[in-house]
C-alpha atoms as a PDB file:
ATOM      1  CA  MET A   1       2.665 -30.620 -37.119  1.00  0.00           C
ATOM      2  CA  THR A   2       4.273 -28.666 -34.271  1.00  0.00           C
ATOM      3  CA  GLU A   3       6.158 -30.773 -31.742  1.00  0.00           C
ATOM      4  CA  PRO A   4       7.364 -29.629 -28.286  1.00  0.00           C
ATOM      5  CA  TYR A   5      11.069 -28.966 -27.900  1.00  0.00           C
ATOM      6  CA  ALA A   6      10.782 -29.224 -24.090  1.00  0.00           C
ATOM      7  CA  CYS A   7       8.283 -30.592 -21.581  1.00  0.00           C
ATOM      8  CA  GLY A   8       8.098 -31.571 -17.943  1.00  0.00           C
ATOM      9  CA  MET A   9       6.126 -31.860 -14.728  1.00  0.00           C
ATOM     10  CA  LEU A  10       6.102 -28.890 -12.351  1.00  0.00           C
ATOM     11  CA  ASP A  11       5.552 -29.470  -8.629  1.00  0.00           C
ATOM     12  CA  VAL A  12       3.030 -26.786  -7.653  1.00  0.00           C
ATOM     13  CA  GLY A  13       2.460 -28.041  -4.122  1.00  0.00           C
ATOM     14  CA  ASP A  14      -0.465 -29.761  -2.410  1.00  0.00           C
ATOM     15  CA  GLY A  15       0.677 -33.042  -3.990  1.00  0.00           C
ATOM     16  CA  ASN A  16      -0.048 -31.701  -7.491  1.00  0.00           C
ATOM     17  CA  GLN A  17       2.204 -32.021 -10.521  1.00  0.00           C
ATOM     18  CA  VAL A  18       1.342 -29.879 -13.557  1.00  0.00           C
ATOM     19  CA  TYR A  19       2.324 -30.988 -17.068  1.00  0.00           C
ATOM     20  CA  TRP A  20       3.815 -28.288 -19.341  1.00  0.00           C
ATOM     21  CA  GLU A  21       5.390 -28.146 -22.777  1.00  0.00           C
ATOM     22  CA  THR A  22       6.968 -25.506 -25.011  1.00  0.00           C
ATOM     23  CA  CYS A  23       7.079 -25.417 -28.780  1.00  0.00           C
ATOM     24  CA  GLY A  24       7.765 -22.976 -31.593  1.00  0.00           C
ATOM     25  CA  ASN A  25      10.750 -20.619 -31.427  1.00  0.00           C
ATOM     26  CA  PRO A  26      12.715 -20.751 -28.134  1.00  0.00           C
ATOM     27  CA  ASP A  27      13.747 -17.149 -28.773  1.00  0.00           C
ATOM     28  CA  GLY A  28      10.299 -15.997 -29.860  1.00  0.00           C
ATOM     29  CA  LYS A  29       7.787 -13.885 -27.996  1.00  0.00           C
ATOM     30  CA  PRO A  30       6.384 -15.884 -25.033  1.00  0.00           C
ATOM     31  CA  LEU A  31       2.729 -16.876 -25.296  1.00  0.00           C
ATOM     32  CA  VAL A  32       0.845 -19.112 -22.862  1.00  0.00           C
ATOM     33  CA  VAL A  33      -2.330 -21.009 -23.793  1.00  0.00           C
ATOM     34  CA  LEU A  34      -5.031 -21.153 -21.105  1.00  0.00           C
ATOM     35  CA  HIS A  35      -7.369 -23.984 -22.005  1.00  0.00           C
ATOM     36  CA  GLY A  36     -11.090 -24.032 -21.442  1.00  0.00           C
ATOM     37  CA  GLY A  37     -13.376 -26.308 -19.497  1.00  0.00           C
ATOM     38  CA  PRO A  38     -12.258 -25.786 -16.813  1.00  0.00           C
ATOM     39  CA  GLY A  39     -10.555 -29.156 -17.020  1.00  0.00           C
ATOM     40  CA  GLN A  40     -10.306 -29.596 -20.794  1.00  0.00           C
ATOM     41  CA  GLY A  41      -6.534 -29.901 -20.939  1.00  0.00           C
ATOM     42  CA  CYS A  42      -4.328 -29.088 -23.935  1.00  0.00           C
ATOM     43  CA  HIS A  43      -4.084 -31.012 -27.193  1.00  0.00           C
ATOM     44  CA  GLN A  44      -2.129 -31.115 -30.443  1.00  0.00           C
ATOM     45  CA  ARG A  45      -4.433 -28.740 -32.359  1.00  0.00           C
ATOM     46  CA  MET A  46      -3.670 -25.970 -29.894  1.00  0.00           C
ATOM     47  CA  ARG A  47       0.028 -26.070 -30.791  1.00  0.00           C
ATOM     48  CA  ASP A  48      -0.712 -25.666 -34.483  1.00  0.00           C
ATOM     49  CA  ALA A  49      -2.876 -22.573 -33.981  1.00  0.00           C
ATOM     50  CA  PHE A  50       0.106 -20.256 -33.548  1.00  0.00           C
ATOM     51  CA  ASP A  51       3.036 -18.941 -35.563  1.00  0.00           C
ATOM     52  CA  GLY A  52       5.868 -21.146 -34.339  1.00  0.00           C
ATOM     53  CA  GLN A  53       8.454 -18.942 -36.043  1.00  0.00           C
ATOM     54  CA  ARG A  54       7.546 -15.864 -34.043  1.00  0.00           C
ATOM     55  CA  TYR A  55       6.217 -17.238 -30.764  1.00  0.00           C
ATOM     56  CA  ARG A  56       7.577 -19.319 -27.912  1.00  0.00           C
ATOM     57  CA  ILE A  57       4.372 -21.249 -27.214  1.00  0.00           C
ATOM     58  CA  VAL A  58       3.693 -22.567 -23.717  1.00  0.00           C
ATOM     59  CA  LEU A  59       0.910 -25.086 -23.144  1.00  0.00           C
ATOM     60  CA  TYR A  60       0.019 -26.790 -19.888  1.00  0.00           C
ATOM     61  CA  ASP A  61      -2.712 -28.884 -18.295  1.00  0.00           C
ATOM     62  CA  GLN A  62      -4.323 -27.150 -15.347  1.00  0.00           C
ATOM     63  CA  ARG A  63      -4.616 -29.005 -12.037  1.00  0.00           C
ATOM     64  CA  GLY A  64      -6.457 -32.303 -12.101  1.00  0.00           C
ATOM     65  CA  CYS A  65      -6.751 -32.752 -15.872  1.00  0.00           C
ATOM     66  CA  GLY A  66      -4.856 -33.979 -18.908  1.00  0.00           C
ATOM     67  CA  ARG A  67      -1.404 -35.208 -17.984  1.00  0.00           C
ATOM     68  CA  SER A  68      -1.318 -33.356 -14.659  1.00  0.00           C
ATOM     69  CA  THR A  69      -1.585 -35.429 -11.501  1.00  0.00           C
ATOM     70  CA  PRO A  70      -3.485 -36.451  -9.508  1.00  0.00           C
ATOM     71  CA  SER A  71      -6.438 -36.693 -11.871  1.00  0.00           C
ATOM     72  CA  ALA A  72      -9.812 -35.312 -10.843  1.00  0.00           C
ATOM     73  CA  ALA A  73     -11.267 -38.511 -12.323  1.00  0.00           C
ATOM     74  CA  ASP A  74     -10.152 -40.234  -9.108  1.00  0.00           C
ATOM     75  CA  PRO A  75     -12.763 -39.529  -6.396  1.00  0.00           C
ATOM     76  CA  ALA A  76      -9.942 -39.607  -3.819  1.00  0.00           C
ATOM     77  CA  THR A  77      -8.329 -36.522  -5.374  1.00  0.00           C
ATOM     78  CA  ASP A  78      -8.621 -33.529  -3.045  1.00  0.00           C
ATOM     79  CA  MET A  79     -10.564 -30.868  -4.931  1.00  0.00           C
ATOM     80  CA  GLY A  80     -10.180 -28.433  -2.053  1.00  0.00           C
ATOM     81  CA  VAL A  81      -6.755 -27.517  -3.466  1.00  0.00           C
ATOM     82  CA  ASN A  82      -8.111 -26.941  -6.974  1.00  0.00           C
ATOM     83  CA  THR A  83      -9.492 -23.394  -7.070  1.00  0.00           C
ATOM     84  CA  THR A  84      -9.007 -20.279  -9.167  1.00  0.00           C
ATOM     85  CA  THR A  85      -6.518 -18.972  -6.618  1.00  0.00           C
ATOM     86  CA  HIS A  86      -4.487 -22.175  -6.953  1.00  0.00           C
ATOM     87  CA  LEU A  87      -4.550 -21.987 -10.763  1.00  0.00           C
ATOM     88  CA  VAL A  88      -3.372 -18.362 -10.761  1.00  0.00           C
ATOM     89  CA  ALA A  89      -0.500 -19.293  -8.440  1.00  0.00           C
ATOM     90  CA  ASP A  90       0.382 -22.311 -10.620  1.00  0.00           C
ATOM     91  CA  LEU A  91       0.559 -20.100 -13.706  1.00  0.00           C
ATOM     92  CA  GLU A  92       2.917 -17.698 -11.987  1.00  0.00           C
ATOM     93  CA  LEU A  93       5.103 -20.601 -10.804  1.00  0.00           C
ATOM     94  CA  LEU A  94       5.251 -21.896 -14.377  1.00  0.00           C
ATOM     95  CA  ARG A  95       6.278 -18.480 -15.716  1.00  0.00           C
ATOM     96  CA  ALA A  96       9.122 -18.261 -13.210  1.00  0.00           C
ATOM     97  CA  HIS A  97      10.139 -21.873 -13.836  1.00  0.00           C
ATOM     98  CA  LEU A  98      10.489 -21.184 -17.567  1.00  0.00           C
ATOM     99  CA  GLY A  99      12.428 -17.967 -17.001  1.00  0.00           C
ATOM    100  CA  ILE A 100       9.868 -15.783 -18.780  1.00  0.00           C
ATOM    101  CA  ASP A 101       9.621 -12.118 -17.814  1.00  0.00           C
ATOM    102  CA  ARG A 102       6.299 -11.257 -19.492  1.00  0.00           C
ATOM    103  CA  TRP A 103       4.000 -13.278 -21.713  1.00  0.00           C
ATOM    104  CA  LEU A 104       0.941 -12.945 -23.886  1.00  0.00           C
ATOM    105  CA  LEU A 105      -2.142 -14.648 -22.453  1.00  0.00           C
ATOM    106  CA  ARG A 106      -4.307 -16.540 -24.963  1.00  0.00           C
ATOM    107  CA  GLY A 107      -7.495 -17.963 -23.473  1.00  0.00           C
ATOM    108  CA  GLY A 108     -10.931 -19.137 -24.517  1.00  0.00           C
ATOM    109  CA  SER A 109     -14.130 -19.723 -22.529  1.00  0.00           C
ATOM    110  CA  TRP A 110     -12.980 -20.711 -19.005  1.00  0.00           C
ATOM    111  CA  GLY A 111      -9.497 -19.651 -20.115  1.00  0.00           C
ATOM    112  CA  CYS A 112     -10.833 -16.068 -20.254  1.00  0.00           C
ATOM    113  CA  THR A 113     -11.729 -16.183 -16.568  1.00  0.00           C
ATOM    114  CA  LEU A 114      -8.291 -17.520 -15.660  1.00  0.00           C
ATOM    115  CA  ALA A 115      -6.503 -15.021 -17.905  1.00  0.00           C
ATOM    116  CA  LEU A 116      -8.325 -12.074 -16.358  1.00  0.00           C
ATOM    117  CA  ALA A 117      -7.813 -13.331 -12.795  1.00  0.00           C
ATOM    118  CA  TYR A 118      -4.084 -13.793 -13.450  1.00  0.00           C
ATOM    119  CA  ALA A 119      -3.682 -10.446 -15.207  1.00  0.00           C
ATOM    120  CA  LEU A 120      -5.364  -8.586 -12.358  1.00  0.00           C
ATOM    121  CA  ARG A 121      -3.040 -10.307  -9.864  1.00  0.00           C
ATOM    122  CA  TYR A 122       0.148 -10.021 -11.943  1.00  0.00           C
ATOM    123  CA  PRO A 123      -0.358  -7.202 -14.496  1.00  0.00           C
ATOM    124  CA  HIS A 124       3.407  -6.568 -14.721  1.00  0.00           C
ATOM    125  CA  ARG A 125       3.857 -10.104 -16.074  1.00  0.00           C
ATOM    126  CA  VAL A 126       1.407  -9.692 -18.965  1.00  0.00           C
ATOM    127  CA  SER A 127       2.344  -8.180 -22.327  1.00  0.00           C
ATOM    128  CA  GLU A 128      -1.011  -8.597 -24.160  1.00  0.00           C
ATOM    129  CA  ILE A 129      -4.221 -10.615 -23.806  1.00  0.00           C
ATOM    130  CA  VAL A 130      -6.195 -12.292 -26.616  1.00  0.00           C
ATOM    131  CA  LEU A 131      -9.483 -13.896 -25.568  1.00  0.00           C
ATOM    132  CA  SER A 132     -12.340 -15.645 -27.370  1.00  0.00           C
ATOM    133  CA  ALA A 133     -15.721 -17.060 -26.302  1.00  0.00           C
ATOM    134  CA  ILE A 134     -15.706 -14.570 -23.447  1.00  0.00           C
ATOM    135  CA  SER A 135     -16.705 -15.866 -20.019  1.00  0.00           C
ATOM    136  CA  THR A 136     -16.047 -14.314 -16.602  1.00  0.00           C
ATOM    137  CA  SER A 137     -17.894 -16.876 -14.431  1.00  0.00           C
ATOM    138  CA  ARG A 138     -20.344 -14.379 -12.959  1.00  0.00           C
ATOM    139  CA  HIS A 139     -23.357 -15.802 -11.154  1.00  0.00           C
ATOM    140  CA  ARG A 140     -25.657 -14.725 -13.968  1.00  0.00           C
ATOM    141  CA  GLU A 141     -23.458 -16.450 -16.561  1.00  0.00           C
ATOM    142  CA  ILE A 142     -23.477 -19.752 -14.672  1.00  0.00           C
ATOM    143  CA  ASP A 143     -27.207 -19.449 -13.943  1.00  0.00           C
ATOM    144  CA  TRP A 144     -27.820 -18.901 -17.652  1.00  0.00           C
ATOM    145  CA  LEU A 145     -25.726 -21.844 -18.832  1.00  0.00           C
ATOM    146  CA  TYR A 146     -27.295 -24.350 -16.445  1.00  0.00           C
ATOM    147  CA  GLY A 147     -30.752 -22.820 -16.179  1.00  0.00           C
ATOM    148  CA  GLY A 148     -31.778 -19.821 -18.256  1.00  0.00           C
ATOM    149  CA  VAL A 149     -30.833 -21.290 -21.630  1.00  0.00           C
ATOM    150  CA  SER A 150     -33.316 -24.092 -20.898  1.00  0.00           C
ATOM    151  CA  ARG A 151     -35.978 -21.946 -22.607  1.00  0.00           C
ATOM    152  CA  PHE A 152     -34.488 -23.208 -25.869  1.00  0.00           C
ATOM    153  CA  PHE A 153     -34.213 -26.837 -24.736  1.00  0.00           C
ATOM    154  CA  PRO A 154     -36.893 -27.458 -22.080  1.00  0.00           C
ATOM    155  CA  GLU A 155     -37.128 -31.206 -22.555  1.00  0.00           C
ATOM    156  CA  GLU A 156     -33.356 -31.705 -22.386  1.00  0.00           C
ATOM    157  CA  HIS A 157     -33.080 -29.453 -19.349  1.00  0.00           C
ATOM    158  CA  GLU A 158     -35.754 -31.475 -17.575  1.00  0.00           C
ATOM    159  CA  ARG A 159     -33.641 -34.572 -18.197  1.00  0.00           C
ATOM    160  CA  PHE A 160     -30.518 -32.746 -16.967  1.00  0.00           C
ATOM    161  CA  VAL A 161     -32.219 -31.724 -13.716  1.00  0.00           C
ATOM    162  CA  ALA A 162     -33.735 -35.178 -13.186  1.00  0.00           C
ATOM    163  CA  CYS A 163     -30.337 -36.862 -13.504  1.00  0.00           C
ATOM    164  CA  ALA A 164     -28.992 -34.571 -10.786  1.00  0.00           C
ATOM    165  CA  GLY A 165     -31.646 -35.828  -8.384  1.00  0.00           C
ATOM    166  CA  SER A 166     -32.039 -32.267  -7.089  1.00  0.00           C
ATOM    167  CA  ALA A 167     -35.298 -31.349  -5.412  1.00  0.00           C
ATOM    168  CA  ASN A 168     -34.755 -27.747  -6.524  1.00  0.00           C
ATOM    169  CA  SER A 169     -34.319 -26.980 -10.231  1.00  0.00           C
ATOM    170  CA  ALA A 170     -32.482 -23.664  -9.644  1.00  0.00           C
ATOM    171  CA  ALA A 171     -29.201 -23.729 -11.554  1.00  0.00           C
ATOM    172  CA  SER A 172     -27.076 -23.326  -8.415  1.00  0.00           C
ATOM    173  CA  ASN A 173     -28.714 -26.325  -6.750  1.00  0.00           C
ATOM    174  CA  VAL A 174     -28.454 -28.500  -9.862  1.00  0.00           C
ATOM    175  CA  VAL A 175     -24.752 -27.712 -10.346  1.00  0.00           C
ATOM    176  CA  ALA A 176     -24.071 -28.377  -6.657  1.00  0.00           C
ATOM    177  CA  ALA A 177     -25.861 -31.723  -6.939  1.00  0.00           C
ATOM    178  CA  TYR A 178     -23.676 -32.717  -9.894  1.00  0.00           C
ATOM    179  CA  ASP A 179     -20.596 -31.603  -7.969  1.00  0.00           C
ATOM    180  CA  ARG A 180     -21.475 -34.123  -5.255  1.00  0.00           C
ATOM    181  CA  LEU A 181     -22.307 -36.932  -7.697  1.00  0.00           C
ATOM    182  CA  LEU A 182     -19.078 -36.518  -9.647  1.00  0.00           C
ATOM    183  CA  GLY A 183     -17.048 -37.114  -6.498  1.00  0.00           C
ATOM    184  CA  HIS A 184     -19.027 -40.239  -5.552  1.00  0.00           C
ATOM    185  CA  PRO A 185     -16.905 -43.333  -4.786  1.00  0.00           C
ATOM    186  CA  ASP A 186     -19.043 -45.500  -7.111  1.00  0.00           C
ATOM    187  CA  ARG A 187     -17.739 -45.134 -10.681  1.00  0.00           C
ATOM    188  CA  ASP A 188     -21.155 -46.028 -12.139  1.00  0.00           C
ATOM    189  CA  VAL A 189     -22.668 -43.056 -10.311  1.00  0.00           C
ATOM    190  CA  ARG A 190     -19.933 -40.779 -11.663  1.00  0.00           C
ATOM    191  CA  VAL A 191     -20.340 -42.116 -15.194  1.00  0.00           C
ATOM    192  CA  ARG A 192     -24.111 -41.513 -15.182  1.00  0.00           C
ATOM    193  CA  ALA A 193     -23.628 -37.977 -13.891  1.00  0.00           C
ATOM    194  CA  ALA A 194     -20.858 -37.233 -16.398  1.00  0.00           C
ATOM    195  CA  THR A 195     -22.959 -38.589 -19.258  1.00  0.00           C
ATOM    196  CA  ALA A 196     -25.888 -36.340 -18.324  1.00  0.00           C
ATOM    197  CA  TRP A 197     -23.685 -33.256 -17.846  1.00  0.00           C
ATOM    198  CA  ALA A 198     -21.889 -33.808 -21.148  1.00  0.00           C
ATOM    199  CA  ARG A 199     -25.198 -34.302 -22.960  1.00  0.00           C
ATOM    200  CA  TRP A 200     -26.431 -30.943 -21.643  1.00  0.00           C
ATOM    201  CA  GLU A 201     -23.237 -29.130 -22.665  1.00  0.00           C
ATOM    202  CA  GLU A 202     -23.485 -30.605 -26.164  1.00  0.00           C
ATOM    203  CA  THR A 203     -27.174 -29.682 -26.364  1.00  0.00           C
ATOM    204  CA  VAL A 204     -26.491 -26.023 -25.603  1.00  0.00           C
ATOM    205  CA  LEU A 205     -24.005 -25.887 -28.498  1.00  0.00           C
ATOM    206  CA  SER A 206     -26.098 -27.983 -30.885  1.00  0.00           C
ATOM    207  CA  LEU A 207     -27.679 -25.058 -32.779  1.00  0.00           C
ATOM    208  CA  GLU A 208     -24.361 -23.465 -33.743  1.00  0.00           C
ATOM    209  CA  PRO A 209     -23.254 -23.303 -37.377  1.00  0.00           C
ATOM    210  CA  SER A 210     -21.271 -26.408 -38.384  1.00  0.00           C
ATOM    211  CA  ALA A 211     -22.015 -28.029 -35.011  1.00  0.00           C
ATOM    212  CA  ARG A 212     -19.599 -30.840 -34.232  1.00  0.00           C
ATOM    213  CA  PRO A 213     -18.645 -32.774 -31.101  1.00  0.00           C
ATOM    214  CA  THR A 214     -16.607 -30.931 -28.457  1.00  0.00           C
ATOM    215  CA  SER A 215     -14.522 -32.235 -25.573  1.00  0.00           C
ATOM    216  CA  PHE A 216     -17.838 -33.244 -24.007  1.00  0.00           C
ATOM    217  CA  GLY A 217     -18.756 -35.423 -26.971  1.00  0.00           C
ATOM    218  CA  GLY A 218     -16.375 -38.350 -26.498  1.00  0.00           C
ATOM    219  CA  PRO A 219     -16.665 -41.580 -24.527  1.00  0.00           C
ATOM    220  CA  VAL A 220     -16.964 -41.408 -20.750  1.00  0.00           C
ATOM    221  CA  ASP A 221     -13.314 -42.100 -19.993  1.00  0.00           C
ATOM    222  CA  ASP A 222     -11.107 -40.655 -17.273  1.00  0.00           C
ATOM    223  CA  ASP A 223     -10.446 -37.495 -19.309  1.00  0.00           C
ATOM    224  CA  LEU A 224     -14.164 -36.755 -19.534  1.00  0.00           C
ATOM    225  CA  LEU A 225     -14.757 -37.667 -15.877  1.00  0.00           C
ATOM    226  CA  ALA A 226     -12.012 -35.227 -14.855  1.00  0.00           C
ATOM    227  CA  LEU A 227     -13.320 -32.484 -17.158  1.00  0.00           C
ATOM    228  CA  VAL A 228     -16.897 -32.730 -15.915  1.00  0.00           C
ATOM    229  CA  ARG A 229     -15.923 -33.019 -12.262  1.00  0.00           C
ATOM    230  CA  ILE A 230     -13.723 -29.930 -12.489  1.00  0.00           C
ATOM    231  CA  CYS A 231     -16.464 -27.982 -14.327  1.00  0.00           C
ATOM    232  CA  ALA A 232     -19.069 -28.796 -11.697  1.00  0.00           C
ATOM    233  CA  HIS A 233     -16.604 -28.094  -8.870  1.00  0.00           C
ATOM    234  CA  TYR A 234     -15.710 -24.645 -10.201  1.00  0.00           C
ATOM    235  CA  TYR A 235     -19.203 -23.556 -11.132  1.00  0.00           C
ATOM    236  CA  ALA A 236     -20.796 -24.855  -7.928  1.00  0.00           C
ATOM    237  CA  ASN A 237     -18.424 -22.440  -6.187  1.00  0.00           C
ATOM    238  CA  HIS A 238     -18.778 -19.602  -8.714  1.00  0.00           C
ATOM    239  CA  ALA A 239     -15.036 -19.971  -9.348  1.00  0.00           C
ATOM    240  CA  TRP A 240     -14.348 -18.525  -5.871  1.00  0.00           C
ATOM    241  CA  LEU A 241     -14.736 -15.019  -7.288  1.00  0.00           C
ATOM    242  CA  ALA A 242     -16.780 -12.140  -5.931  1.00  0.00           C
ATOM    243  CA  ASP A 243     -19.725 -11.776  -8.275  1.00  0.00           C
ATOM    244  CA  GLY A 244     -18.688  -9.627 -11.242  1.00  0.00           C
ATOM    245  CA  GLU A 245     -15.240  -8.787  -9.902  1.00  0.00           C
ATOM    246  CA  LEU A 246     -13.358  -9.431 -13.142  1.00  0.00           C
ATOM    247  CA  ILE A 247     -15.451  -6.911 -15.061  1.00  0.00           C
ATOM    248  CA  ARG A 248     -15.645  -4.551 -12.084  1.00  0.00           C
ATOM    249  CA  ASP A 249     -11.844  -4.425 -11.853  1.00  0.00           C
ATOM    250  CA  ALA A 250     -11.068  -4.528 -15.577  1.00  0.00           C
ATOM    251  CA  GLY A 251     -10.137  -0.829 -15.493  1.00  0.00           C
ATOM    252  CA  ARG A 252      -6.909  -1.923 -13.813  1.00  0.00           C
ATOM    253  CA  LEU A 253      -5.911  -3.612 -17.099  1.00  0.00           C
ATOM    254  CA  ALA A 254      -5.466  -0.210 -18.746  1.00  0.00           C
ATOM    255  CA  GLY A 255      -2.177  -0.257 -20.622  1.00  0.00           C
ATOM    256  CA  ILE A 256      -2.360  -3.975 -21.404  1.00  0.00           C
ATOM    257  CA  PRO A 257      -3.527  -4.357 -25.024  1.00  0.00           C
ATOM    258  CA  GLY A 258      -6.494  -6.681 -25.237  1.00  0.00           C
ATOM    259  CA  VAL A 259      -8.464  -8.264 -28.064  1.00  0.00           C
ATOM    260  CA  LEU A 260     -11.830  -9.916 -27.405  1.00  0.00           C
ATOM    261  CA  VAL A 261     -13.395 -12.176 -30.040  1.00  0.00           C
ATOM    262  CA  HIS A 262     -16.926 -13.475 -29.592  1.00  0.00           C
ATOM    263  CA  GLY A 263     -19.612 -15.194 -31.628  1.00  0.00           C
ATOM    264  CA  ARG A 264     -23.015 -13.514 -31.591  1.00  0.00           C
ATOM    265  CA  LEU A 265     -24.677 -16.948 -31.869  1.00  0.00           C
ATOM    266  CA  ASP A 266     -22.975 -18.225 -28.696  1.00  0.00           C
ATOM    267  CA  LEU A 267     -25.867 -19.560 -26.582  1.00  0.00           C
ATOM    268  CA  SER A 268     -23.621 -20.790 -23.780  1.00  0.00           C
ATOM    269  CA  CYS A 269     -21.914 -17.430 -23.212  1.00  0.00           C
ATOM    270  CA  PRO A 270     -24.169 -14.583 -24.423  1.00  0.00           C
ATOM    271  CA  VAL A 271     -22.388 -11.720 -26.152  1.00  0.00           C
ATOM    272  CA  ALA A 272     -23.436  -9.237 -23.434  1.00  0.00           C
ATOM    273  CA  THR A 273     -20.531 -10.382 -21.271  1.00  0.00           C
ATOM    274  CA  ALA A 274     -17.977  -9.618 -23.982  1.00  0.00           C
ATOM    275  CA  TYR A 275     -19.590  -6.205 -24.526  1.00  0.00           C
ATOM    276  CA  GLU A 276     -19.532  -5.340 -20.815  1.00  0.00           C
ATOM    277  CA  LEU A 277     -15.909  -6.443 -20.437  1.00  0.00           C
ATOM    278  CA  ALA A 278     -14.817  -4.390 -23.458  1.00  0.00           C
ATOM    279  CA  ASN A 279     -16.530  -1.319 -22.035  1.00  0.00           C
ATOM    280  CA  ALA A 280     -14.842  -1.788 -18.662  1.00  0.00           C
ATOM    281  CA  TRP A 281     -11.324  -2.419 -20.051  1.00  0.00           C
ATOM    282  CA  PRO A 282      -9.753   0.800 -21.390  1.00  0.00           C
ATOM    283  CA  GLY A 283      -8.367   0.253 -24.868  1.00  0.00           C
ATOM    284  CA  ALA A 284      -9.669  -3.285 -25.338  1.00  0.00           C
ATOM    285  CA  GLU A 285     -10.844  -4.160 -28.855  1.00  0.00           C
ATOM    286  CA  LEU A 286     -14.024  -6.208 -29.320  1.00  0.00           C
ATOM    287  CA  PHE A 287     -14.793  -8.176 -32.487  1.00  0.00           C
ATOM    288  CA  VAL A 288     -18.238  -9.799 -32.642  1.00  0.00           C
ATOM    289  CA  CYS A 289     -18.606 -12.428 -35.373  1.00  0.00           C
ATOM    290  CA  ASP A 290     -22.259 -12.451 -36.422  1.00  0.00           C
ATOM    291  CA  GLU A 291     -22.231 -15.946 -37.923  1.00  0.00           C
ATOM    292  CA  SER A 292     -20.201 -17.696 -35.196  1.00  0.00           C
ATOM    293  CA  GLY A 293     -21.075 -19.348 -31.915  1.00  0.00           C
ATOM    294  CA  HIS A 294     -19.018 -20.586 -28.965  1.00  0.00           C
ATOM    295  CA  ARG A 295     -16.786 -22.876 -30.981  1.00  0.00           C
ATOM    296  CA  SER A 296     -13.930 -21.793 -33.153  1.00  0.00           C
ATOM    297  CA  SER A 297     -14.865 -20.685 -36.670  1.00  0.00           C
ATOM    298  CA  PRO A 298     -12.948 -19.353 -39.681  1.00  0.00           C
ATOM    299  CA  ALA A 299     -14.114 -15.804 -38.900  1.00  0.00           C
ATOM    300  CA  LYS A 300     -13.152 -15.974 -35.227  1.00  0.00           C
ATOM    301  CA  SER A 301      -9.847 -17.672 -36.009  1.00  0.00           C
ATOM    302  CA  GLU A 302      -8.993 -14.918 -38.479  1.00  0.00           C
ATOM    303  CA  CYS A 303      -9.642 -12.233 -35.841  1.00  0.00           C
ATOM    304  CA  VAL A 304      -7.420 -14.039 -33.345  1.00  0.00           C
ATOM    305  CA  ARG A 305      -4.717 -14.628 -35.957  1.00  0.00           C
ATOM    306  CA  ASP A 306      -4.725 -10.947 -36.941  1.00  0.00           C
ATOM    307  CA  ALA A 307      -4.302  -9.907 -33.297  1.00  0.00           C
ATOM    308  CA  LEU A 308      -1.430 -12.344 -32.752  1.00  0.00           C
ATOM    309  CA  THR A 309       0.275 -11.145 -35.932  1.00  0.00           C
ATOM    310  CA  ARG A 310       0.068  -7.557 -34.740  1.00  0.00           C
ATOM    311  CA  PHE A 311       1.386  -8.431 -31.297  1.00  0.00           C
ATOM    312  CA  ALA A 312       4.185 -10.766 -32.421  1.00  0.00           C
ATOM    313  CA  ASP A 313       6.790  -8.044 -32.832  1.00  0.00           C
ATOM    314  CA  ARG A 314       5.484  -5.693 -30.141  1.00  0.00           C
ATOM    315  CA  ARG A 315       7.944  -5.167 -27.304  1.00  0.00           C
END
């Protein structure tokens, strides 16, 4: 079990404090973990996924989730200061706070979007990028996840839409309706909305090999309320990104080694996004695991591990 050798709370402004921790080798190559969700937070298993002898591993909870404060589970928390732009700025503040010159970005799912947004803003601070379950938060990706994929689960999607109380079943309207419900002052309203959202997320992943509960599969506690509220908030606003900008601008990442790992059976994030990003990013390597989905798998983990082994001694 890998334990942190340092941790703390970083004041990032707007009344927000971000929890961070470092583990592994203090003199190793810096690597920062960008968790998914958005709003999932970091956990013990993430520490153990890396070579602690060769890497200085940085983990942190993005605004509003995990041990960061204030929690998005509190309806009084101002979500107007929780955007992609804020998260990119927080990450850069954390890098400077820890005295790191350049670091490897390791992200999955939503963490891919954040990694790409940060790298495009601060390319001189990035040594390499390793991403899995590729997502760039384009309109079509969000529309698919909360609408298009319903062709596989029509009865569950009907329930999902009904719980939103939206008069229009278009994905953008449904997500916006959940965004409003999850900020409602009545906890019972928030719990019902979170339960329905989590059920839909679990449904979309239910056909994957070795399906097991995800962060959405636990009890409706404050961690889940924060996770779901942040998800709905970001996707109702298309992550405050111009549609397709991360793939459009990926050519600017030329010179930054990148490895993309994706499961062909990923229903939540179709493999086309990973393919398009790899084509737009000069020199990026794409590994598609035919028997994997969105979740981690032995095959995907091996691809990621191989990339991190190669990059560990690269200067």
